[in-house]
Structures are given as structure tokens and as C-alpha cells.
Amino acid sequence: MEYIEFDSAPAFEECQLVGPDYRPELARIEAQVYAIQIRNQFPNFDKVKIQVKTSYGNYTTFFVRIGFDPECSESVRQAFEIEESGLDYWTKDSKITLKNLISIASSELF
């Protein structure tokens, strides 16, 4: 299995940034919603595996990755079609979901 990695949110959208105000629980939500958005935009792409992964260091961060089988031409095609599709912005549905989940998570934290 090989992987293409994405950030936790679309490229041209605001997201949780590491630093003193970083909230990893909200970054995780962003990554989960981003993975769902990718799945929704490519519902028939069954030869790839879309995952949210965690990276540990000074901060716990999250990212989305697309797993593909380099020996399967359809898997490779699907993975690179996702990468080349320009997933640069939240969809309307993702924005609503993200806003609702972050609101719920924030209210549970305080």
C-alpha cells in the first residue's frame, strides 16, 4: 500500500493552526469532515482507502491520506484523480457539518 497525504482541511480554507491556541480535538474534527467530503465527492472509488491519521510531535496533528495499491491500475487512477481534483474548498454540506460538530465539541469542553 502506498499513500498520498493531504492536510486536515482543504488547501484554501482556514484550519486549526499549531501554537498556543491549538485545539487538537477541533483539528481531528476538521480532518474527519475532510475525509467524509472526499468520500462523498468520489462515492464509487472503492479501490482506495481514505483515512484520518494522527501525527505525534510537539503537537498532536491530524491529516487525511489516500491509500492505494501500486500494483492495481484502477487503484492508482482513483488515488491520483482525487489528488488532482483540486479539493481546495469546503463543500456547502461540509461547512454545515463542520460548524455543527465544532459547536458541539466546543460546548462539551467548557
Protein backbone atom coordinates (compact mmCIF):
# COMPACT_ATOMS: atom_id res chain seq x y z
CA MET A 1 0.00 0.00 0.00
CA GLU A 2 1.23 3.48 -0.86
CA TYR A 3 -0.23 6.80 0.26
CA ILE A 4 -0.97 10.34 -0.85
CA GLU A 5 -1.25 12.68 2.12
CA PHE A 6 -3.44 15.76 2.49
CA ASP A 7 -3.68 18.31 5.28
CA SER A 8 -6.57 18.21 7.77
CA ALA A 9 -8.61 20.70 5.74
CA PRO A 10 -8.88 21.89 2.14
CA ALA A 11 -5.90 23.94 0.95
CA PHE A 12 -7.58 27.35 0.77
CA GLU A 13 -9.65 27.11 3.95
CA GLU A 14 -8.83 28.22 7.47
CA CYS A 15 -7.99 25.44 9.87
CA GLN A 16 -6.63 24.79 13.34
CA LEU A 17 -3.05 26.02 13.43
CA VAL A 18 -0.48 24.73 15.87
CA GLY A 19 0.52 27.19 18.53
CA PRO A 20 -0.72 28.34 21.92
CA ASP A 21 -4.39 28.35 20.82
CA TYR A 22 -4.24 25.00 19.01
CA ARG A 23 -7.17 22.69 19.77
CA PRO A 24 -6.34 19.15 18.62
CA GLU A 25 -9.90 17.94 19.20
CA LEU A 26 -11.10 20.50 16.64
CA ALA A 27 -8.30 19.63 14.22
CA ARG A 28 -9.42 15.98 14.43
CA ILE A 29 -12.98 17.02 13.56
CA GLU A 30 -11.71 19.02 10.58
CA ALA A 31 -9.76 16.03 9.28
CA GLN A 32 -12.74 13.70 9.74
CA VAL A 33 -15.06 16.06 7.88
CA TYR A 34 -12.48 16.45 5.12
CA ALA A 35 -12.22 12.66 4.73
CA ILE A 36 -16.02 12.45 4.55
CA GLN A 37 -16.07 15.21 1.93
CA ILE A 38 -13.59 13.26 -0.20
CA ARG A 39 -15.63 10.07 0.18
CA ASN A 40 -18.80 11.95 -0.81
CA GLN A 41 -17.16 13.53 -3.84
CA PHE A 42 -15.85 10.16 -5.03
CA PRO A 43 -18.52 7.68 -3.89
CA ASN A 44 -17.60 4.92 -6.37
CA PHE A 45 -13.88 4.98 -5.69
CA ASP A 46 -13.71 1.62 -3.97
CA LYS A 47 -10.09 0.83 -4.86
CA VAL A 48 -8.65 3.42 -2.46
CA LYS A 49 -8.72 3.72 1.30
CA ILE A 50 -9.44 7.17 2.77
CA GLN A 51 -8.17 7.55 6.33
CA VAL A 52 -7.62 10.13 9.03
CA LYS A 53 -4.24 9.65 10.64
CA THR A 54 -2.54 11.18 13.66
CA SER A 55 0.95 12.61 13.78
CA TYR A 56 2.69 13.00 17.13
CA GLY A 57 5.40 15.53 17.86
CA ASN A 58 5.35 18.79 19.79
CA TYR A 59 1.66 18.88 18.87
CA THR A 60 -0.75 16.09 18.03
CA THR A 61 -1.86 16.86 14.49
CA PHE A 62 -4.11 15.13 12.00
CA PHE A 63 -4.07 14.54 8.29
CA VAL A 64 -6.05 12.69 5.63
CA ARG A 65 -4.39 10.10 3.48
CA ILE A 66 -5.45 8.11 0.46
CA GLY A 67 -4.11 4.58 0.40
CA PHE A 68 -3.74 2.84 -2.94
CA ASP A 69 -2.31 -0.37 -4.32
CA PRO A 70 0.51 0.50 -6.73
CA GLU A 71 0.03 -2.87 -8.46
CA CYS A 72 -3.62 -2.11 -9.32
CA SER A 73 -4.02 0.41 -12.14
CA GLU A 74 -7.58 1.30 -11.08
CA SER A 75 -6.45 1.98 -7.52
CA VAL A 76 -3.62 4.22 -8.78
CA ARG A 77 -6.00 6.04 -11.16
CA GLN A 78 -8.53 6.69 -8.40
CA ALA A 79 -5.92 7.96 -5.95
CA PHE A 80 -4.37 10.37 -8.40
CA GLU A 81 -7.75 11.55 -9.67
CA ILE A 82 -8.59 12.53 -6.09
CA GLU A 83 -5.25 14.30 -5.71
CA GLU A 84 -5.62 16.18 -9.00
CA SER A 85 -9.26 17.16 -8.43
CA GLY A 86 -8.43 20.35 -6.57
CA LEU A 87 -10.09 19.70 -3.22
CA ASP A 88 -9.27 23.26 -2.22
CA TYR A 89 -12.50 24.37 -0.53
CA TRP A 90 -15.15 23.00 1.79
CA THR A 91 -18.38 21.97 0.11
CA LYS A 92 -21.58 23.55 1.42
CA ASP A 93 -22.52 20.33 3.25
CA SER A 94 -19.05 20.04 4.79
CA LYS A 95 -19.19 23.62 6.05
CA ILE A 96 -22.51 22.93 7.77
CA THR A 97 -21.28 19.65 9.27
CA LEU A 98 -18.02 21.21 10.42
CA LYS A 99 -19.79 24.17 12.04
CA ASN A 100 -22.22 21.88 13.87
CA LEU A 101 -19.59 19.43 15.11
CA ILE A 102 -17.22 22.16 16.25
CA SER A 103 -20.08 23.86 18.08
CA ILE A 104 -20.98 20.62 19.85
CA ALA A 105 -17.34 19.84 20.70
CA SER A 106 -16.71 23.36 21.99
CA SER A 107 -19.76 23.28 24.23
CA GLU A 108 -18.72 19.92 25.68
CA LEU A 109 -15.25 21.25 26.50
CA PHE A 110 -16.43 24.19 28.53
